[in-house]
Amino acid sequence: MKLILDAQLPAKLCEVLNQLGFESIHVDELPKGDETPDLEITKFADRENLIVVTKGFDFYHSHMMLGKPKKLFLITTGNLKNRQLFNLFRNNTLIIMNALNRRSFVELGNEGITEHK
C-alpha cells in the first residue's frame, strides 16, 4: 500500500508509516516540495497508484465531485501533537490498512475510522 502525505502533515509521519508497513512519501520529496499544487499532487498520486493522505478539504471536494484523487485518506481529527497522530496510526494500523483496501475514501476522525462509499 503506497501513500503520499500532503504538506499539512509532518514528514516524520512517513517514517512511522514505513515502519508500520505502508510505503510512504511526503510531498516535500516532489520537485516543487510543499509548493506543489493540489492538482499536481492528485495527478502524481493517480499515475503512481498512491493514496493521498491529507487534512485538506480541497482534496475531499475534488474526490467527491471528480473522483480525483482516486483514493483519499482524510484526517479530520483537528490539531494533534505529532506523538498523538503517530499513535493513532500505530494503534489502528490493521483497521486503516483494511479500510484503505476496501474503499476509495477513508476518514480518520475523532470518532474513529469511517469507510465512505
Protein backbone atom coordinates (compact mmCIF):
# COMPACT_ATOMS: atom_id res chain seq x y z
CA MET A 1 0.00 0.00 0.00
CA LYS A 2 1.51 3.29 -1.12
CA LEU A 3 0.74 6.69 0.36
CA ILE A 4 1.62 10.31 -0.36
CA LEU A 5 1.31 12.73 2.54
CA ASP A 6 0.17 16.28 1.95
CA ALA A 7 2.07 19.31 3.25
CA GLN A 8 -0.09 19.80 6.38
CA LEU A 9 1.19 16.50 7.76
CA PRO A 10 4.65 16.12 9.30
CA ALA A 11 7.28 14.46 7.13
CA LYS A 12 8.25 12.37 10.18
CA LEU A 13 4.90 10.58 9.78
CA CYS A 14 6.37 8.88 6.68
CA GLU A 15 8.98 7.18 8.88
CA VAL A 16 6.26 5.94 11.23
CA LEU A 17 4.11 4.70 8.36
CA ASN A 18 7.02 2.96 6.66
CA GLN A 19 7.76 1.13 9.93
CA LEU A 20 4.11 0.05 10.04
CA GLY A 21 4.23 -1.44 6.55
CA PHE A 22 2.96 1.46 4.45
CA GLU A 23 5.17 2.68 1.63
CA SER A 24 5.03 6.44 2.15
CA ILE A 25 6.43 9.62 0.68
CA HIS A 26 5.85 13.24 1.63
CA VAL A 27 5.10 15.99 -0.89
CA ASP A 28 8.39 17.55 0.22
CA GLU A 29 10.03 14.82 -1.89
CA LEU A 30 8.37 16.09 -5.08
CA PRO A 31 10.31 18.59 -7.24
CA LYS A 32 8.22 21.55 -6.03
CA GLY A 33 8.05 20.27 -2.46
CA ASP A 34 5.33 21.77 -0.32
CA GLU A 35 4.66 24.30 -3.07
CA THR A 36 3.27 21.52 -5.30
CA PRO A 37 -0.30 22.44 -6.29
CA ASP A 38 -3.04 20.03 -5.24
CA LEU A 39 -3.83 19.22 -8.88
CA GLU A 40 -0.25 18.10 -9.48
CA ILE A 41 -0.29 16.01 -6.30
CA THR A 42 -3.54 14.41 -7.46
CA LYS A 43 -2.19 13.63 -10.94
CA PHE A 44 1.03 12.21 -9.48
CA ALA A 45 -0.87 10.11 -6.94
CA ASP A 46 -3.25 8.69 -9.54
CA ARG A 47 -0.44 7.97 -12.00
CA GLU A 48 1.68 6.23 -9.34
CA ASN A 49 -1.30 4.49 -7.62
CA LEU A 50 -0.78 6.37 -4.37
CA ILE A 51 -3.37 7.14 -1.73
CA VAL A 52 -3.45 10.84 -0.83
CA VAL A 53 -3.29 11.36 2.93
CA THR A 54 -4.34 14.88 3.89
CA LYS A 55 -6.12 17.20 6.26
CA GLY A 56 -7.11 19.39 3.30
CA PHE A 57 -10.74 19.58 2.30
CA ASP A 58 -9.76 20.66 -1.24
CA PHE A 59 -8.82 17.04 -1.90
CA TYR A 60 -12.12 15.91 -0.37
CA HIS A 61 -14.15 18.16 -2.67
CA SER A 62 -12.15 17.07 -5.71
CA HIS A 63 -12.57 13.41 -4.80
CA MET A 64 -16.30 13.74 -4.23
CA MET A 65 -17.01 15.80 -7.36
CA LEU A 66 -14.45 14.44 -9.84
CA GLY A 67 -13.29 11.14 -8.38
CA LYS A 68 -9.77 12.55 -8.18
CA PRO A 69 -7.64 11.62 -6.43
CA LYS A 70 -8.78 8.05 -6.94
CA LYS A 71 -8.01 7.14 -3.32
CA LEU A 72 -8.20 9.51 -0.37
CA PHE A 73 -7.43 9.20 3.34
CA LEU A 74 -8.74 12.32 5.06
CA ILE A 75 -7.66 13.15 8.59
CA THR A 76 -10.29 15.21 10.41
CA THR A 77 -9.02 14.97 13.97
CA GLY A 78 -8.18 18.67 14.22
CA ASN A 79 -4.87 19.73 15.66
CA LEU A 80 -2.97 16.99 17.42
CA LYS A 81 0.55 16.78 18.72
CA ASN A 82 2.70 14.72 16.37
CA ARG A 83 3.07 12.00 19.00
CA GLN A 84 -0.73 11.68 19.26
CA LEU A 85 -1.07 11.47 15.47
CA PHE A 86 1.66 8.84 15.22
CA ASN A 87 -0.01 6.79 17.97
CA LEU A 88 -3.36 6.92 16.16
CA PHE A 89 -1.69 5.23 13.20
CA ARG A 90 0.23 2.78 15.38
CA ASN A 91 -2.89 1.77 17.32
CA ASN A 92 -5.08 1.40 14.24
CA THR A 93 -2.70 0.05 11.59
CA LEU A 94 -4.70 -3.04 10.61
CA ILE A 95 -8.03 -1.21 10.65
CA ILE A 96 -6.58 1.53 8.43
CA MET A 97 -5.00 -0.97 6.02
CA ASN A 98 -8.20 -2.97 5.69
CA ALA A 99 -10.33 0.14 5.21
CA LEU A 100 -7.99 1.52 2.52
CA ASN A 101 -8.05 -1.84 0.74
CA ARG A 102 -11.86 -1.84 0.68
CA ARG A 103 -12.74 1.79 -0.02
CA SER A 104 -11.58 4.70 -2.14
CA PHE A 105 -12.34 7.22 0.64
CA VAL A 106 -11.48 6.64 4.28
CA GLU A 107 -11.64 9.19 7.08
CA LEU A 108 -9.80 9.25 10.39
CA GLY A 109 -11.72 11.47 12.79
CA ASN A 110 -12.22 11.92 16.49
CA GLU A 111 -14.93 9.26 16.36
CA GLY A 112 -12.62 6.69 14.76
CA ILE A 113 -12.16 5.40 11.23
CA THR A 114 -15.01 5.75 8.76
CA GLU A 115 -15.18 3.99 5.41
CA HIS A 116 -17.11 6.01 2.84
CA LYS A 117 -18.62 4.68 -0.39
